[in-house]
C-alpha atoms as a PDB file:
ATOM      1  CA  MET A   1       0.014   0.019   0.012  1.00  0.00           C
ATOM      2  CA  SER A   2       1.312   3.480  -0.796  1.00  0.00           C
ATOM      3  CA  LEU A   3      -0.074   6.834   0.204  1.00  0.00           C
ATOM      4  CA  MET A   4       1.132  10.187  -1.280  1.00  0.00           C
ATOM      5  CA  GLY A   5      -0.367  13.473  -0.160  1.00  0.00           C
ATOM      6  CA  ASP A   6      -0.125  17.139  -1.181  1.00  0.00           C
ATOM      7  CA  CYS A   7      -0.438  19.280   2.023  1.00  0.00           C
ATOM      8  CA  GLN A   8      -1.126  22.421   0.040  1.00  0.00           C
ATOM      9  CA  THR A   9      -4.139  21.100  -1.920  1.00  0.00           C
ATOM     10  CA  GLY A  10      -5.229  18.495   0.630  1.00  0.00           C
ATOM     11  CA  ARG A  11      -5.369  15.863  -2.010  1.00  0.00           C
ATOM     12  CA  SER A  12      -3.799  12.384  -1.755  1.00  0.00           C
ATOM     13  CA  VAL A  13      -3.566   9.101  -3.562  1.00  0.00           C
ATOM     14  CA  LEU A  14      -3.734   5.642  -2.090  1.00  0.00           C
ATOM     15  CA  THR A  15      -2.714   2.616  -4.094  1.00  0.00           C
ATOM     16  CA  ALA A  16      -3.024  -0.998  -3.083  1.00  0.00           C
ATOM     17  CA  THR A  17      -2.138  -4.122  -4.957  1.00  0.00           C
ATOM     18  CA  TYR A  18      -4.138  -7.301  -4.901  1.00  0.00           C
ATOM     19  CA  ASP A  19      -4.216 -10.417  -7.010  1.00  0.00           C
ATOM     20  CA  ARG A  20      -7.392 -10.955  -8.882  1.00  0.00           C
ATOM     21  CA  SER A  21      -8.656 -13.837  -6.702  1.00  0.00           C
ATOM     22  CA  SER A  22      -8.089 -11.734  -3.506  1.00  0.00           C
ATOM     23  CA  LEU A  23      -9.665  -8.728  -4.852  1.00  0.00           C
ATOM     24  CA  GLU A  24     -12.853 -10.644  -5.918  1.00  0.00           C
ATOM     25  CA  GLY A  25     -13.024 -12.658  -2.678  1.00  0.00           C
ATOM     26  CA  PHE A  26     -12.570  -9.632  -0.350  1.00  0.00           C
ATOM     27  CA  ALA A  27     -14.536  -6.889  -2.087  1.00  0.00           C
ATOM     28  CA  GLU A  28     -16.859  -6.394   0.874  1.00  0.00           C
ATOM     29  CA  THR A  29     -14.002  -6.371   3.418  1.00  0.00           C
ATOM     30  CA  VAL A  30     -12.073  -3.797   1.326  1.00  0.00           C
ATOM     31  CA  ARG A  31     -15.205  -1.634   0.970  1.00  0.00           C
ATOM     32  CA  GLY A  32     -15.569  -1.619   4.776  1.00  0.00           C
ATOM     33  CA  MET A  33     -11.918  -0.756   5.231  1.00  0.00           C
ATOM     34  CA  ARG A  34     -12.333   2.151   2.835  1.00  0.00           C
ATOM     35  CA  GLU A  35     -15.450   3.472   4.494  1.00  0.00           C
ATOM     36  CA  ARG A  36     -13.767   3.266   7.979  1.00  0.00           C
ATOM     37  CA  PHE A  37     -10.557   5.021   6.659  1.00  0.00           C
ATOM     38  CA  THR A  38     -12.566   7.829   5.067  1.00  0.00           C
ATOM     39  CA  ALA A  39     -14.664   8.265   8.230  1.00  0.00           C
ATOM     40  CA  GLU A  40     -11.573   8.328  10.463  1.00  0.00           C
ATOM     41  CA  THR A  41      -9.593  10.769   8.215  1.00  0.00           C
ATOM     42  CA  ASP A  42     -12.543  12.977   7.460  1.00  0.00           C
ATOM     43  CA  SER A  43     -11.839  12.479   3.688  1.00  0.00           C
ATOM     44  CA  GLU A  44     -13.919  11.486   0.688  1.00  0.00           C
ATOM     45  CA  VAL A  45     -13.197   9.006  -2.112  1.00  0.00           C
ATOM     46  CA  MET A  46     -13.408  10.807  -5.456  1.00  0.00           C
ATOM     47  CA  LEU A  47     -12.386   7.880  -7.777  1.00  0.00           C
ATOM     48  CA  ILE A  48     -11.913   4.102  -7.488  1.00  0.00           C
ATOM     49  CA  ALA A  49     -10.193   2.377 -10.403  1.00  0.00           C
ATOM     50  CA  ALA A  50      -8.964  -1.122 -10.966  1.00  0.00           C
ATOM     51  CA  PHE A  51      -6.151  -1.835 -13.465  1.00  0.00           C
ATOM     52  CA  GLU A  52      -4.561  -5.072 -14.670  1.00  0.00           C
ATOM     53  CA  LEU A  53      -0.778  -4.892 -14.368  1.00  0.00           C
ATOM     54  CA  ALA A  54       1.331  -7.233 -16.375  1.00  0.00           C
ATOM     55  CA  ILE A  55       4.774  -7.948 -14.869  1.00  0.00           C
ATOM     56  CA  HIS A  56       7.384  -9.829 -16.885  1.00  0.00           C
ATOM     57  CA  HIS A  57      10.681 -11.102 -15.629  1.00  0.00           C
ATOM     58  CA  LEU A  58      13.384 -10.955 -18.182  1.00  0.00           C
ATOM     59  CA  ARG A  59      16.435 -13.071 -18.072  1.00  0.00           C
ATOM     60  CA  VAL A  60      19.465 -11.230 -19.397  1.00  0.00           C
ATOM     61  CA  PRO A  61      22.433 -13.378 -20.489  1.00  0.00           C
ATOM     62  CA  GLU A  62      25.428 -13.125 -18.335  1.00  0.00           C
ATOM     63  CA  MET A  63      28.275 -11.099 -19.846  1.00  0.00           C
ATOM     64  CA  ALA A  64      31.459 -13.153 -20.430  1.00  0.00           C
END
């Protein structure tokens, strides 16, 4: 989880990473966490977005 904030504007961005099965299985739990977080920090959620991120591990040949 990452949180970045701008003190001058009061805006922030929170990112979290889940695998697909976890995200689908815990949607209600995550919703509750989000509602609790916004209530405790007196903030509002302006946008929720899900993205698929492809990560590829490349093997580079050893140099001789």
